[in-house]
Amino acid sequence: VDSVKGRFTISRDIVKNTVYLQMNSLKPEDTAVY
């Protein structure tokens, strides 16, 4: 979504069977349940 471009990165580790969301430069408007 445009509001997180350049700040958030989604990735997947197939071996660990885990998906990640790296969130940098967080803003108050990012407050939410994810």
All heavy atoms as atom14 arrays in JSON, in Angstrom:
{
  "sequence": "VDSVKGRFTISRDIVKNTVYLQMNSLKPEDTAVY",
  "atom14_mask": [
    [1, 1, 1, 1, 1, 1, 1, 0, 0, 0, 0, 0, 0, 0],
    [1, 1, 1, 1, 1, 1, 1, 1, 0, 0, 0, 0, 0, 0],
    [1, 1, 1, 1, 1, 1, 0, 0, 0, 0, 0, 0, 0, 0],
    [1, 1, 1, 1, 1, 1, 1, 0, 0, 0, 0, 0, 0, 0],
    [1, 1, 1, 1, 1, 1, 1, 1, 1, 0, 0, 0, 0, 0],
    [1, 1, 1, 1, 0, 0, 0, 0, 0, 0, 0, 0, 0, 0],
    [1, 1, 1, 1, 1, 1, 1, 1, 1, 1, 1, 0, 0, 0],
    [1, 1, 1, 1, 1, 1, 1, 1, 1, 1, 1, 0, 0, 0],
    [1, 1, 1, 1, 1, 1, 1, 0, 0, 0, 0, 0, 0, 0],
    [1, 1, 1, 1, 1, 1, 1, 1, 0, 0, 0, 0, 0, 0],
    [1, 1, 1, 1, 1, 1, 0, 0, 0, 0, 0, 0, 0, 0],
    [1, 1, 1, 1, 1, 1, 1, 1, 1, 1, 1, 0, 0, 0],
    [1, 1, 1, 1, 1, 1, 1, 1, 0, 0, 0, 0, 0, 0],
    [1, 1, 1, 1, 1, 1, 1, 1, 0, 0, 0, 0, 0, 0],
    [1, 1, 1, 1, 1, 1, 1, 0, 0, 0, 0, 0, 0, 0],
    [1, 1, 1, 1, 1, 1, 1, 1, 1, 0, 0, 0, 0, 0],
    [1, 1, 1, 1, 1, 1, 1, 1, 0, 0, 0, 0, 0, 0],
    [1, 1, 1, 1, 1, 1, 1, 0, 0, 0, 0, 0, 0, 0],
    [1, 1, 1, 1, 1, 1, 1, 0, 0, 0, 0, 0, 0, 0],
    [1, 1, 1, 1, 1, 1, 1, 1, 1, 1, 1, 1, 0, 0],
    [1, 1, 1, 1, 1, 1, 1, 1, 0, 0, 0, 0, 0, 0],
    [1, 1, 1, 1, 1, 1, 1, 1, 1, 0, 0, 0, 0, 0],
    [1, 1, 1, 1, 1, 1, 1, 1, 0, 0, 0, 0, 0, 0],
    [1, 1, 1, 1, 1, 1, 1, 1, 0, 0, 0, 0, 0, 0],
    [1, 1, 1, 1, 1, 1, 0, 0, 0, 0, 0, 0, 0, 0],
    [1, 1, 1, 1, 1, 1, 1, 1, 0, 0, 0, 0, 0, 0],
    [1, 1, 1, 1, 1, 1, 1, 1, 1, 0, 0, 0, 0, 0],
    [1, 1, 1, 1, 1, 1, 1, 0, 0, 0, 0, 0, 0, 0],
    [1, 1, 1, 1, 1, 1, 1, 1, 1, 0, 0, 0, 0, 0],
    [1, 1, 1, 1, 1, 1, 1, 1, 0, 0, 0, 0, 0, 0],
    [1, 1, 1, 1, 1, 1, 1, 0, 0, 0, 0, 0, 0, 0],
    [1, 1, 1, 1, 1, 0, 0, 0, 0, 0, 0, 0, 0, 0],
    [1, 1, 1, 1, 1, 1, 1, 0, 0, 0, 0, 0, 0, 0],
    [1, 1, 1, 1, 1, 1, 1, 1, 1, 1, 1, 1, 0, 0]
  ],
  "atom14_positions": [
    [[0.85, -1.17, 0.0], [0.0, 0.0, 0.0], [0.9, 1.24, 0.0], [2.01, 1.22, 0.55], [-0.95, -0.01, 1.22], [-0.18, 0.17, 2.51], [-2.04, 1.03, 1.07], [0.0, 0.0, 0.0], [0.0, 0.0, 0.0], [0.0, 0.0, 0.0], [0.0, 0.0, 0.0], [0.0, 0.0, 0.0], [0.0, 0.0, 0.0], [0.0, 0.0, 0.0]],
    [[0.45, 2.3, -0.65], [1.29, 3.47, -0.85], [1.85, 4.02, 0.45], [2.99, 4.5, 0.5], [0.52, 4.56, -1.59], [0.31, 4.25, -3.06], [1.0, 3.36, -3.58], [-0.53, 4.92, -3.68], [0.0, 0.0, 0.0], [0.0, 0.0, 0.0], [0.0, 0.0, 0.0], [0.0, 0.0, 0.0], [0.0, 0.0, 0.0], [0.0, 0.0, 0.0]],
    [[1.07, 3.97, 1.5], [1.47, 4.59, 2.75], [2.67, 3.92, 3.42], [3.28, 4.51, 4.31], [0.29, 4.62, 3.73], [-0.17, 3.32, 4.02], [0.0, 0.0, 0.0], [0.0, 0.0, 0.0], [0.0, 0.0, 0.0], [0.0, 0.0, 0.0], [0.0, 0.0, 0.0], [0.0, 0.0, 0.0], [0.0, 0.0, 0.0], [0.0, 0.0, 0.0]],
    [[3.01, 2.7, 3.02], [4.12, 2.0, 3.64], [5.26, 1.73, 2.68], [6.29, 1.17, 3.1], [3.68, 0.67, 4.28], [2.48, 0.89, 5.2], [3.37, -0.38, 3.22], [0.0, 0.0, 0.0], [0.0, 0.0, 0.0], [0.0, 0.0, 0.0], [0.0, 0.0, 0.0], [0.0, 0.0, 0.0], [0.0, 0.0, 0.0], [0.0, 0.0, 0.0]],
    [[5.13, 2.12, 1.44], [6.19, 1.9, 0.46], [7.48, 2.57, 0.91], [7.48, 3.72, 1.31], [5.77, 2.41, -0.91], [4.73, 1.55, -1.6], [4.4, 2.09, -2.99], [3.39, 1.2, -3.7], [3.0, 1.74, -5.02], [0.0, 0.0, 0.0], [0.0, 0.0, 0.0], [0.0, 0.0, 0.0], [0.0, 0.0, 0.0], [0.0, 0.0, 0.0]],
    [[8.56, 1.83, 0.81], [9.84, 2.33, 1.24], [10.12, 2.16, 2.71], [11.25, 2.37, 3.14], [0.0, 0.0, 0.0], [0.0, 0.0, 0.0], [0.0, 0.0, 0.0], [0.0, 0.0, 0.0], [0.0, 0.0, 0.0], [0.0, 0.0, 0.0], [0.0, 0.0, 0.0], [0.0, 0.0, 0.0], [0.0, 0.0, 0.0], [0.0, 0.0, 0.0]],
    [[9.12, 1.78, 3.48], [9.29, 1.59, 4.91], [9.08, 0.15, 5.35], [9.75, -0.31, 6.27], [8.32, 2.49, 5.69], [8.49, 3.98, 5.43], [7.65, 4.82, 6.38], [6.22, 4.57, 6.23], [5.43, 4.08, 7.18], [5.94, 3.79, 8.38], [4.13, 3.91, 6.96], [0.0, 0.0, 0.0], [0.0, 0.0, 0.0], [0.0, 0.0, 0.0]],
    [[8.16, -0.55, 4.72], [7.84, -1.93, 5.09], [8.36, -2.88, 4.02], [8.37, -2.56, 2.83], [6.32, -2.12, 5.22], [5.68, -1.44, 6.4], [6.36, -0.51, 7.16], [4.37, -1.74, 6.73], [5.76, 0.12, 8.24], [3.76, -1.13, 7.81], [4.45, -0.2, 8.56], [0.0, 0.0, 0.0], [0.0, 0.0, 0.0], [0.0, 0.0, 0.0]],
    [[8.74, -4.07, 4.46], [9.19, -5.11, 3.56], [8.58, -6.44, 3.97], [8.73, -6.86, 5.11], [10.73, -5.24, 3.55], [11.32, -3.99, 3.2], [11.16, -6.3, 2.54], [0.0, 0.0, 0.0], [0.0, 0.0, 0.0], [0.0, 0.0, 0.0], [0.0, 0.0, 0.0], [0.0, 0.0, 0.0], [0.0, 0.0, 0.0], [0.0, 0.0, 0.0]],
    [[7.91, -7.09, 3.03], [7.37, -8.41, 3.28], [8.33, -9.45, 2.7], [8.88, -9.27, 1.62], [5.95, -8.58, 2.68], [5.35, -9.93, 3.06], [5.95, -8.37, 1.18], [3.88, -10.08, 2.69], [0.0, 0.0, 0.0], [0.0, 0.0, 0.0], [0.0, 0.0, 0.0], [0.0, 0.0, 0.0], [0.0, 0.0, 0.0], [0.0, 0.0, 0.0]],
    [[8.53, -10.51, 3.43], [9.43, -11.57, 2.99], [8.92, -12.91, 3.49], [8.07, -12.98, 4.37], [10.87, -11.32, 3.46], [10.95, -11.3, 4.86], [0.0, 0.0, 0.0], [0.0, 0.0, 0.0], [0.0, 0.0, 0.0], [0.0, 0.0, 0.0], [0.0, 0.0, 0.0], [0.0, 0.0, 0.0], [0.0, 0.0, 0.0], [0.0, 0.0, 0.0]],
    [[9.49, -13.96, 2.93], [9.05, -15.31, 3.27], [10.26, -16.22, 3.38], [11.14, -16.22, 2.51], [8.07, -15.82, 2.21], [7.65, -17.27, 2.35], [6.56, -17.6, 1.34], [6.96, -17.25, -0.02], [6.12, -17.15, -1.04], [4.83, -17.37, -0.86], [6.58, -16.83, -2.25], [0.0, 0.0, 0.0], [0.0, 0.0, 0.0], [0.0, 0.0, 0.0]],
    [[10.31, -16.99, 4.43], [11.35, -17.99, 4.63], [10.69, -19.35, 4.46], [9.95, -19.8, 5.32], [11.98, -17.86, 6.02], [13.19, -18.75, 6.2], [13.21, -19.88, 5.67], [14.13, -18.33, 6.89], [0.0, 0.0, 0.0], [0.0, 0.0, 0.0], [0.0, 0.0, 0.0], [0.0, 0.0, 0.0], [0.0, 0.0, 0.0], [0.0, 0.0, 0.0]],
    [[10.97, -19.99, 3.33], [10.31, -21.25, 3.02], [10.72, -22.35, 3.99], [9.9, -23.16, 4.42], [10.61, -21.66, 1.57], [10.05, -20.62, 0.6], [10.02, -23.03, 1.27], [10.37, -20.9, -0.86], [0.0, 0.0, 0.0], [0.0, 0.0, 0.0], [0.0, 0.0, 0.0], [0.0, 0.0, 0.0], [0.0, 0.0, 0.0], [0.0, 0.0, 0.0]],
    [[11.99, -22.38, 4.35], [12.48, -23.42, 5.25], [11.81, -23.32, 6.61], [11.38, -24.32, 7.19], [14.01, -23.34, 5.39], [14.5, -24.34, 6.43], [14.68, -23.59, 4.05], [0.0, 0.0, 0.0], [0.0, 0.0, 0.0], [0.0, 0.0, 0.0], [0.0, 0.0, 0.0], [0.0, 0.0, 0.0], [0.0, 0.0, 0.0], [0.0, 0.0, 0.0]],
    [[11.72, -22.12, 7.13], [11.09, -21.9, 8.43], [9.58, -21.83, 8.36], [8.91, -21.79, 9.39], [11.62, -20.63, 9.07], [13.09, -20.67, 9.45], [13.51, -19.39, 10.14], [14.96, -19.45, 10.57], [15.39, -18.19, 11.25], [0.0, 0.0, 0.0], [0.0, 0.0, 0.0], [0.0, 0.0, 0.0], [0.0, 0.0, 0.0], [0.0, 0.0, 0.0]],
    [[9.05, -21.79, 7.14], [7.61, -21.69, 6.95], [7.04, -20.48, 7.68], [6.02, -20.56, 8.37], [6.91, -22.97, 7.42], [5.7, -23.33, 6.57], [5.61, -22.97, 5.4], [4.75, -24.04, 7.17], [0.0, 0.0, 0.0], [0.0, 0.0, 0.0], [0.0, 0.0, 0.0], [0.0, 0.0, 0.0], [0.0, 0.0, 0.0], [0.0, 0.0, 0.0]],
    [[7.71, -19.37, 7.5], [7.37, -18.15, 8.21], [7.38, -16.97, 7.26], [8.24, -16.88, 6.38], [8.34, -17.89, 9.37], [8.32, -19.01, 10.27], [7.97, -16.64, 10.13], [0.0, 0.0, 0.0], [0.0, 0.0, 0.0], [0.0, 0.0, 0.0], [0.0, 0.0, 0.0], [0.0, 0.0, 0.0], [0.0, 0.0, 0.0], [0.0, 0.0, 0.0]],
    [[6.44, -16.09, 7.44], [6.36, -14.84, 6.68], [6.65, -13.69, 7.63], [6.23, -13.7, 8.78], [4.98, -14.68, 6.03], [4.91, -13.38, 5.24], [4.67, -15.87, 5.14], [0.0, 0.0, 0.0], [0.0, 0.0, 0.0], [0.0, 0.0, 0.0], [0.0, 0.0, 0.0], [0.0, 0.0, 0.0], [0.0, 0.0, 0.0], [0.0, 0.0, 0.0]],
    [[7.37, -12.71, 7.13], [7.77, -11.58, 7.95], [7.27, -10.27, 7.36], [7.06, -10.14, 6.15], [9.3, -11.51, 8.07], [9.94, -12.75, 8.62], [10.46, -13.72, 7.77], [10.02, -12.96, 9.99], [11.05, -14.87, 8.28], [10.6, -14.1, 10.51], [11.12, -15.06, 9.65], [11.7, -16.19, 10.15], [0.0, 0.0, 0.0], [0.0, 0.0, 0.0]],
    [[7.11, -9.31, 8.23], [6.88, -7.93, 7.81], [7.84, -7.05, 8.6], [7.65, -6.84, 9.8], [5.44, -7.5, 8.05], [5.09, -6.1, 7.56], [5.15, -6.04, 6.03], [3.71, -5.67, 8.05], [0.0, 0.0, 0.0], [0.0, 0.0, 0.0], [0.0, 0.0, 0.0], [0.0, 0.0, 0.0], [0.0, 0.0, 0.0], [0.0, 0.0, 0.0]],
    [[8.87, -6.59, 7.92], [9.81, -5.66, 8.53], [9.25, -4.26, 8.39], [8.97, -3.8, 7.28], [11.18, -5.76, 7.86], [12.22, -4.8, 8.41], [12.61, -5.1, 9.83], [12.87, -6.26, 10.16], [12.65, -4.08, 10.68], [0.0, 0.0, 0.0], [0.0, 0.0, 0.0], [0.0, 0.0, 0.0], [0.0, 0.0, 0.0], [0.0, 0.0, 0.0]],
    [[9.1, -3.57, 9.51], [8.51, -2.25, 9.53], [9.52, -1.27, 10.09], [9.92, -1.36, 11.25], [7.23, -2.23, 10.36], [6.21, -3.29, 9.94], [4.63, -3.13, 10.81], [5.17, -3.44, 12.5], [0.0, 0.0, 0.0], [0.0, 0.0, 0.0], [0.0, 0.0, 0.0], [0.0, 0.0, 0.0], [0.0, 0.0, 0.0], [0.0, 0.0, 0.0]],
    [[9.94, -0.34, 9.26], [10.89, 0.68, 9.64], [10.24, 2.06, 9.58], [9.2, 2.24, 8.95], [12.12, 0.65, 8.72], [12.86, -0.65, 8.78], [12.95, -1.3, 9.82], [13.44, -1.05, 7.64], [0.0, 0.0, 0.0], [0.0, 0.0, 0.0], [0.0, 0.0, 0.0], [0.0, 0.0, 0.0], [0.0, 0.0, 0.0], [0.0, 0.0, 0.0]],
    [[10.88, 3.01, 10.24], [10.38, 4.39, 10.24], [8.91, 4.45, 10.59], [8.11, 5.1, 9.91], [10.65, 5.05, 8.88], [12.03, 5.04, 8.57], [0.0, 0.0, 0.0], [0.0, 0.0, 0.0], [0.0, 0.0, 0.0], [0.0, 0.0, 0.0], [0.0, 0.0, 0.0], [0.0, 0.0, 0.0], [0.0, 0.0, 0.0], [0.0, 0.0, 0.0]],
    [[8.55, 3.78, 11.65], [7.15, 3.67, 12.02], [6.56, 5.03, 12.4], [7.24, 5.88, 12.97], [6.98, 2.69, 13.17], [7.07, 1.22, 12.75], [7.31, 0.33, 13.96], [5.79, 0.79, 12.04], [0.0, 0.0, 0.0], [0.0, 0.0, 0.0], [0.0, 0.0, 0.0], [0.0, 0.0, 0.0], [0.0, 0.0, 0.0], [0.0, 0.0, 0.0]],
    [[5.31, 5.19, 12.06], [4.57, 6.4, 12.33], [3.36, 6.08, 13.21], [2.87, 4.95, 13.2], [4.09, 7.04, 11.02], [5.18, 7.33, 10.02], [4.6, 7.84, 8.71], [5.68, 8.12, 7.69], [5.1, 8.6, 6.4], [0.0, 0.0, 0.0], [0.0, 0.0, 0.0], [0.0, 0.0, 0.0], [0.0, 0.0, 0.0], [0.0, 0.0, 0.0]],
    [[2.86, 7.06, 13.95], [1.67, 6.8, 14.76], [0.5, 6.26, 13.96], [-0.28, 5.45, 14.47], [1.36, 8.17, 15.37], [2.68, 8.84, 15.45], [3.43, 8.39, 14.22], [0.0, 0.0, 0.0], [0.0, 0.0, 0.0], [0.0, 0.0, 0.0], [0.0, 0.0, 0.0], [0.0, 0.0, 0.0], [0.0, 0.0, 0.0], [0.0, 0.0, 0.0]],
    [[0.36, 6.67, 12.72], [-0.72, 6.19, 11.89], [-0.57, 4.73, 11.48], [-1.49, 4.15, 10.89], [-0.9, 7.07, 10.63], [0.4, 7.34, 9.9], [1.01, 8.69, 10.28], [1.07, 8.98, 11.49], [1.4, 9.44, 9.37], [0.0, 0.0, 0.0], [0.0, 0.0, 0.0], [0.0, 0.0, 0.0], [0.0, 0.0, 0.0], [0.0, 0.0, 0.0]],
    [[0.57, 4.13, 11.78], [0.74, 2.7, 11.57], [0.12, 1.87, 12.69], [0.07, 0.64, 12.58], [2.22, 2.34, 11.45], [2.88, 2.96, 10.23], [2.27, 2.98, 9.16], [4.04, 3.42, 10.36], [0.0, 0.0, 0.0], [0.0, 0.0, 0.0], [0.0, 0.0, 0.0], [0.0, 0.0, 0.0], [0.0, 0.0, 0.0], [0.0, 0.0, 0.0]],
    [[-0.32, 2.52, 13.73], [-0.92, 1.82, 14.86], [-2.16, 1.06, 14.41], [-3.09, 1.63, 13.84], [-1.28, 2.81, 15.97], [-0.1, 3.4, 16.49], [-2.01, 2.09, 17.11], [0.0, 0.0, 0.0], [0.0, 0.0, 0.0], [0.0, 0.0, 0.0], [0.0, 0.0, 0.0], [0.0, 0.0, 0.0], [0.0, 0.0, 0.0], [0.0, 0.0, 0.0]],
    [[-2.16, -0.23, 14.66], [-3.26, -1.09, 14.23], [-3.0, -2.5, 14.71], [-1.92, -2.82, 15.22], [-3.39, -1.07, 12.7], [0.0, 0.0, 0.0], [0.0, 0.0, 0.0], [0.0, 0.0, 0.0], [0.0, 0.0, 0.0], [0.0, 0.0, 0.0], [0.0, 0.0, 0.0], [0.0, 0.0, 0.0], [0.0, 0.0, 0.0], [0.0, 0.0, 0.0]],
    [[-4.0, -3.34, 14.54], [-3.81, -4.78, 14.68], [-3.43, -5.32, 13.32], [-4.12, -5.06, 12.32], [-5.07, -5.48, 15.22], [-4.84, -6.99, 15.29], [-5.44, -4.93, 16.58], [0.0, 0.0, 0.0], [0.0, 0.0, 0.0], [0.0, 0.0, 0.0], [0.0, 0.0, 0.0], [0.0, 0.0, 0.0], [0.0, 0.0, 0.0], [0.0, 0.0, 0.0]],
    [[-2.35, -6.05, 13.26], [-1.83, -6.59, 12.01], [-2.14, -8.07, 11.92], [-1.92, -8.83, 12.87], [-0.32, -6.35, 11.91], [0.04, -4.92, 11.59], [-0.12, -3.91, 12.54], [0.51, -4.57, 10.33], [0.19, -2.6, 12.24], [0.82, -3.26, 10.03], [0.66, -2.27, 10.99], [0.97, -0.97, 10.69], [0.0, 0.0, 0.0], [0.0, 0.0, 0.0]]
  ]
}
